[in-house]
Amino acid sequence: MVATKKIHYRNLTEDLKKKIINIYYDRKELTFVEISDLLGVSEGSVARVLTESGINTKRKNRYTLNEEYFNIIDDENKAYILGLLYADGYVGDNHFNNFVLQLKDRDIKG
């Protein structure tokens, strides 16, 4: 197997940086190494682009946030979850996209 030379961070274009971010979110099953191989960039470049973009790269937290989810309350689950958050939830600060409910609420689906 012949190793191919990968693009170093300093040679990345803005388009390639955007591709790294998009692939990271769109193909959650891929590792840094697989993204690196797919795009022909170094693994360190993948990590640096994501870090500099302020993206949390911890695998368990790799989700996107639908900021418009509660704009229209069109089903019973949304209404229940929103009411529960207002009454008993904790919403994180500007550094985290999270909310906290008690363990007994874990079976609720949104």
N, C-alpha and C. Protein backbone atom coordinates (compact mmCIF):
# COMPACT_ATOMS: atom_id res chain seq x y z
N MET A 1 0.84 -1.18 0.00
CA MET A 1 0.00 0.00 0.00
C MET A 1 0.88 1.24 0.00
N VAL A 2 0.62 2.15 -0.91
CA VAL A 2 1.40 3.37 -1.04
C VAL A 2 0.70 4.49 -0.28
N ALA A 3 1.43 5.14 0.61
CA ALA A 3 0.86 6.25 1.37
C ALA A 3 0.83 7.50 0.51
N THR A 4 -0.29 8.18 0.53
CA THR A 4 -0.40 9.43 -0.22
C THR A 4 -0.20 10.59 0.75
N LYS A 5 0.40 11.63 0.23
CA LYS A 5 0.66 12.81 1.06
C LYS A 5 -0.64 13.56 1.28
N LYS A 6 -0.88 13.95 2.52
CA LYS A 6 -2.12 14.64 2.87
C LYS A 6 -1.86 16.13 3.03
N ILE A 7 -2.91 16.90 2.80
CA ILE A 7 -2.83 18.36 2.88
C ILE A 7 -2.67 18.78 4.34
N HIS A 8 -1.69 19.62 4.60
CA HIS A 8 -1.43 20.15 5.94
C HIS A 8 -2.37 21.33 6.20
N TYR A 9 -2.61 21.63 7.47
CA TYR A 9 -3.53 22.69 7.87
C TYR A 9 -3.26 24.02 7.16
N ARG A 10 -2.01 24.43 7.09
CA ARG A 10 -1.69 25.75 6.52
C ARG A 10 -2.06 25.85 5.04
N ASN A 11 -2.30 24.71 4.38
CA ASN A 11 -2.66 24.70 2.97
C ASN A 11 -4.16 24.47 2.72
N LEU A 12 -4.94 24.44 3.78
CA LEU A 12 -6.38 24.21 3.62
C LEU A 12 -7.07 25.47 3.09
N THR A 13 -7.98 25.28 2.17
CA THR A 13 -8.81 26.39 1.69
C THR A 13 -10.01 26.52 2.62
N GLU A 14 -10.69 27.64 2.53
CA GLU A 14 -11.91 27.84 3.33
C GLU A 14 -12.96 26.81 2.95
N ASP A 15 -13.06 26.47 1.67
CA ASP A 15 -14.02 25.46 1.23
C ASP A 15 -13.72 24.10 1.86
N LEU A 16 -12.45 23.74 1.92
CA LEU A 16 -12.07 22.46 2.51
C LEU A 16 -12.36 22.45 4.01
N LYS A 17 -12.14 23.58 4.67
CA LYS A 17 -12.47 23.67 6.09
C LYS A 17 -13.97 23.48 6.31
N LYS A 18 -14.78 24.09 5.45
CA LYS A 18 -16.24 23.92 5.54
C LYS A 18 -16.64 22.48 5.30
N LYS A 19 -15.97 21.80 4.37
CA LYS A 19 -16.26 20.39 4.10
C LYS A 19 -15.96 19.54 5.32
N ILE A 20 -14.85 19.83 5.99
CA ILE A 20 -14.50 19.07 7.21
C ILE A 20 -15.63 19.20 8.22
N ILE A 21 -16.10 20.42 8.44
CA ILE A 21 -17.17 20.66 9.42
C ILE A 21 -18.45 19.97 8.99
N ASN A 22 -18.82 20.10 7.73
CA ASN A 22 -20.05 19.48 7.25
C ASN A 22 -20.01 17.96 7.35
N ILE A 23 -18.91 17.37 6.97
CA ILE A 23 -18.79 15.92 7.06
C ILE A 23 -18.83 15.47 8.51
N TYR A 24 -18.20 16.21 9.39
CA TYR A 24 -18.20 15.87 10.81
C TYR A 24 -19.62 15.78 11.35
N TYR A 25 -20.49 16.72 10.95
CA TYR A 25 -21.88 16.71 11.41
C TYR A 25 -22.76 15.75 10.61
N ASP A 26 -22.56 15.69 9.30
CA ASP A 26 -23.44 14.88 8.45
C ASP A 26 -23.17 13.38 8.54
N ARG A 27 -21.93 13.02 8.82
CA ARG A 27 -21.56 11.59 8.86
C ARG A 27 -20.97 11.27 10.22
N LYS A 28 -21.84 11.29 11.21
CA LYS A 28 -21.45 11.15 12.61
C LYS A 28 -20.69 9.86 12.92
N GLU A 29 -20.83 8.87 12.06
CA GLU A 29 -20.17 7.60 12.31
C GLU A 29 -18.67 7.63 11.98
N LEU A 30 -18.21 8.66 11.27
CA LEU A 30 -16.81 8.71 10.85
C LEU A 30 -15.90 9.22 11.95
N THR A 31 -14.71 8.64 12.03
CA THR A 31 -13.69 9.09 12.96
C THR A 31 -12.86 10.19 12.29
N PHE A 32 -11.99 10.84 13.07
CA PHE A 32 -11.08 11.84 12.50
C PHE A 32 -10.22 11.21 11.40
N VAL A 33 -9.76 10.00 11.64
CA VAL A 33 -8.90 9.32 10.65
C VAL A 33 -9.67 9.09 9.35
N GLU A 34 -10.92 8.67 9.46
CA GLU A 34 -11.72 8.42 8.26
C GLU A 34 -12.04 9.72 7.52
N ILE A 35 -12.31 10.80 8.24
CA ILE A 35 -12.53 12.10 7.60
C ILE A 35 -11.24 12.54 6.90
N SER A 36 -10.13 12.35 7.58
CA SER A 36 -8.82 12.68 7.02
C SER A 36 -8.58 11.93 5.71
N ASP A 37 -8.84 10.63 5.72
CA ASP A 37 -8.65 9.81 4.51
C ASP A 37 -9.60 10.22 3.40
N LEU A 38 -10.84 10.50 3.75
CA LEU A 38 -11.86 10.86 2.77
C LEU A 38 -11.50 12.15 2.03
N LEU A 39 -10.98 13.14 2.76
CA LEU A 39 -10.69 14.44 2.17
C LEU A 39 -9.23 14.64 1.77
N GLY A 40 -8.38 13.71 2.17
CA GLY A 40 -6.96 13.85 1.83
C GLY A 40 -6.25 14.92 2.63
N VAL A 41 -6.71 15.15 3.86
CA VAL A 41 -6.07 16.12 4.74
C VAL A 41 -5.50 15.39 5.94
N SER A 42 -4.59 16.03 6.65
CA SER A 42 -4.00 15.37 7.82
C SER A 42 -5.03 15.28 8.94
N GLU A 43 -4.87 14.28 9.77
CA GLU A 43 -5.77 14.10 10.92
C GLU A 43 -5.71 15.31 11.85
N GLY A 44 -4.51 15.86 12.03
CA GLY A 44 -4.35 17.05 12.85
C GLY A 44 -5.10 18.24 12.29
N SER A 45 -5.17 18.32 10.96
CA SER A 45 -5.93 19.40 10.33
C SER A 45 -7.41 19.29 10.65
N VAL A 46 -7.94 18.08 10.63
CA VAL A 46 -9.35 17.86 10.96
C VAL A 46 -9.61 18.34 12.38
N ALA A 47 -8.78 17.91 13.31
CA ALA A 47 -8.95 18.29 14.71
C ALA A 47 -8.84 19.80 14.90
N ARG A 48 -7.88 20.41 14.24
CA ARG A 48 -7.65 21.85 14.42
C ARG A 48 -8.81 22.68 13.85
N VAL A 49 -9.31 22.30 12.68
CA VAL A 49 -10.44 23.03 12.08
C VAL A 49 -11.65 22.96 13.01
N LEU A 50 -11.94 21.80 13.54
CA LEU A 50 -13.10 21.65 14.41
C LEU A 50 -12.92 22.41 15.71
N THR A 51 -11.73 22.34 16.29
CA THR A 51 -11.45 23.06 17.53
C THR A 51 -11.55 24.56 17.33
N GLU A 52 -10.96 25.08 16.25
CA GLU A 52 -10.99 26.51 15.99
C GLU A 52 -12.40 27.01 15.65
N SER A 53 -13.26 26.11 15.23
CA SER A 53 -14.64 26.48 14.93
C SER A 53 -15.52 26.39 16.17
N GLY A 54 -14.91 26.03 17.30
CA GLY A 54 -15.66 25.96 18.55
C GLY A 54 -16.57 24.75 18.63
N ILE A 55 -16.24 23.71 17.91
CA ILE A 55 -17.09 22.52 17.87
C ILE A 55 -16.64 21.53 18.94
N ASN A 56 -17.60 21.06 19.71
CA ASN A 56 -17.34 20.05 20.73
C ASN A 56 -17.11 18.72 20.02
N THR A 57 -15.92 18.17 20.14
CA THR A 57 -15.59 16.95 19.41
C THR A 57 -15.71 15.69 20.26
N LYS A 58 -16.27 15.82 21.43
CA LYS A 58 -16.51 14.61 22.23
C LYS A 58 -17.61 13.82 21.54
N ARG A 59 -17.33 12.58 21.22
CA ARG A 59 -18.25 11.76 20.44
C ARG A 59 -19.65 11.71 21.04
N LYS A 60 -19.75 11.61 22.36
CA LYS A 60 -21.08 11.47 22.96
C LYS A 60 -21.91 12.75 22.83
N ASN A 61 -21.30 13.88 22.51
CA ASN A 61 -22.02 15.14 22.41
C ASN A 61 -22.09 15.67 20.98
N ARG A 62 -21.92 14.83 20.01
CA ARG A 62 -21.86 15.29 18.62
C ARG A 62 -23.25 15.31 17.99
N TYR A 63 -24.03 16.30 18.38
CA TYR A 63 -25.37 16.46 17.87
C TYR A 63 -25.56 17.89 17.41
N THR A 64 -26.50 18.08 16.54
CA THR A 64 -26.84 19.44 16.13
C THR A 64 -28.08 19.89 16.90
N LEU A 65 -28.26 21.17 17.01
CA LEU A 65 -29.35 21.75 17.76
C LEU A 65 -30.35 22.36 16.80
N ASN A 66 -31.61 21.95 16.90
CA ASN A 66 -32.68 22.55 16.11
C ASN A 66 -33.27 23.68 16.93
N GLU A 67 -32.80 24.89 16.71
CA GLU A 67 -33.22 26.04 17.50
C GLU A 67 -34.66 26.44 17.23
N GLU A 68 -35.28 25.87 16.22
CA GLU A 68 -36.66 26.20 15.88
C GLU A 68 -37.65 25.12 16.31
N TYR A 69 -37.18 24.12 17.03
CA TYR A 69 -38.02 22.97 17.40
C TYR A 69 -39.32 23.40 18.10
N PHE A 70 -39.23 24.36 19.00
CA PHE A 70 -40.41 24.78 19.76
C PHE A 70 -41.11 26.01 19.17
N ASN A 71 -40.73 26.43 17.97
CA ASN A 71 -41.40 27.58 17.35
C ASN A 71 -42.88 27.30 17.11
N ILE A 72 -43.20 26.07 16.75
CA ILE A 72 -44.58 25.66 16.53
C ILE A 72 -44.84 24.44 17.42
N ILE A 73 -45.76 24.59 18.34
CA ILE A 73 -46.11 23.48 19.23
C ILE A 73 -47.26 22.73 18.55
N ASP A 74 -46.89 21.69 17.79
CA ASP A 74 -47.88 21.01 16.96
C ASP A 74 -48.16 19.56 17.35
N ASP A 75 -47.62 19.13 18.49
CA ASP A 75 -47.98 17.81 18.97
C ASP A 75 -47.86 17.75 20.50
N GLU A 76 -48.45 16.72 21.04
CA GLU A 76 -48.52 16.57 22.49
C GLU A 76 -47.14 16.44 23.14
N ASN A 77 -46.22 15.75 22.49
CA ASN A 77 -44.87 15.57 23.06
C ASN A 77 -44.14 16.90 23.20
N LYS A 78 -44.21 17.75 22.17
CA LYS A 78 -43.56 19.06 22.26
C LYS A 78 -44.13 19.87 23.40
N ALA A 79 -45.46 19.88 23.53
CA ALA A 79 -46.11 20.64 24.59
C ALA A 79 -45.69 20.12 25.96
N TYR A 80 -45.63 18.81 26.11
CA TYR A 80 -45.25 18.21 27.39
C TYR A 80 -43.81 18.55 27.75
N ILE A 81 -42.92 18.38 26.79
CA ILE A 81 -41.49 18.64 27.05
C ILE A 81 -41.27 20.11 27.37
N LEU A 82 -41.88 21.00 26.61
CA LEU A 82 -41.73 22.42 26.87
C LEU A 82 -42.26 22.79 28.25
N GLY A 83 -43.41 22.26 28.63
CA GLY A 83 -43.96 22.50 29.96
C GLY A 83 -43.06 21.97 31.05
N LEU A 84 -42.51 20.79 30.84
CA LEU A 84 -41.60 20.18 31.81
C LEU A 84 -40.35 21.03 31.99
N LEU A 85 -39.79 21.53 30.87
CA LEU A 85 -38.61 22.39 30.96
C LEU A 85 -38.90 23.68 31.71
N TYR A 86 -40.04 24.29 31.41
CA TYR A 86 -40.40 25.53 32.10
C TYR A 86 -40.60 25.29 33.60
N ALA A 87 -41.21 24.17 33.93
CA ALA A 87 -41.56 23.91 35.33
C ALA A 87 -40.41 23.33 36.14
N ASP A 88 -39.59 22.49 35.51
CA ASP A 88 -38.66 21.70 36.31
C ASP A 88 -37.28 21.54 35.68
N GLY A 89 -36.99 22.20 34.59
CA GLY A 89 -35.73 21.98 33.89
C GLY A 89 -34.67 23.01 34.22
N TYR A 90 -33.46 22.72 33.77
CA TYR A 90 -32.33 23.64 33.89
C TYR A 90 -31.71 23.76 32.51
N VAL A 91 -31.57 24.97 32.00
CA VAL A 91 -30.96 25.20 30.69
C VAL A 91 -29.56 25.74 30.92
N GLY A 92 -28.56 25.19 30.21
CA GLY A 92 -27.17 25.59 30.38
C GLY A 92 -26.91 27.02 29.95
N ASP A 93 -25.67 27.44 30.10
CA ASP A 93 -25.29 28.81 29.74
C ASP A 93 -24.88 28.89 28.27
N ASN A 94 -24.28 30.01 27.87
CA ASN A 94 -23.91 30.24 26.47
C ASN A 94 -22.84 29.29 25.95
N HIS A 95 -22.12 28.61 26.84
CA HIS A 95 -21.04 27.73 26.41
C HIS A 95 -21.51 26.31 26.13
N PHE A 96 -22.74 26.00 26.52
CA PHE A 96 -23.23 24.64 26.36
C PHE A 96 -24.65 24.65 25.81
N ASN A 97 -24.93 23.74 24.89
CA ASN A 97 -26.29 23.54 24.40
C ASN A 97 -26.83 22.32 25.12
N ASN A 98 -27.38 22.55 26.28
CA ASN A 98 -27.89 21.42 27.04
C ASN A 98 -29.05 21.83 27.92
N PHE A 99 -29.76 20.85 28.38
CA PHE A 99 -30.73 21.06 29.44
C PHE A 99 -30.74 19.81 30.29
N VAL A 100 -31.15 19.96 31.52
CA VAL A 100 -31.04 18.87 32.47
C VAL A 100 -32.41 18.56 33.04
N LEU A 101 -32.74 17.29 33.06
CA LEU A 101 -33.94 16.79 33.72
C LEU A 101 -33.52 15.72 34.70
N GLN A 102 -34.40 15.35 35.58
CA GLN A 102 -34.07 14.30 36.54
C GLN A 102 -34.08 12.95 35.87
N LEU A 103 -33.41 11.99 36.46
CA LEU A 103 -33.31 10.64 35.92
C LEU A 103 -34.69 10.02 35.72
N LYS A 104 -35.64 10.34 36.57
CA LYS A 104 -36.98 9.74 36.45
C LYS A 104 -37.68 10.20 35.17
N ASP A 105 -37.19 11.26 34.51
CA ASP A 105 -37.78 11.77 33.28
C ASP A 105 -37.15 11.16 32.02
N ARG A 106 -36.26 10.21 32.15
CA ARG A 106 -35.46 9.71 31.03
C ARG A 106 -36.25 9.02 29.92
N ASP A 107 -37.45 8.55 30.20
CA ASP A 107 -38.23 7.83 29.18
C ASP A 107 -39.03 8.76 28.26
N ILE A 108 -38.97 10.05 28.51
CA ILE A 108 -39.71 11.01 27.70
C ILE A 108 -39.03 11.14 26.34
N LYS A 109 -39.78 11.12 25.29
CA LYS A 109 -39.25 11.25 23.94
C LYS A 109 -39.81 12.50 23.30
N GLY A 110 -38.96 13.24 22.58
CA GLY A 110 -39.39 14.48 21.92
C GLY A 110 -39.42 14.32 20.44
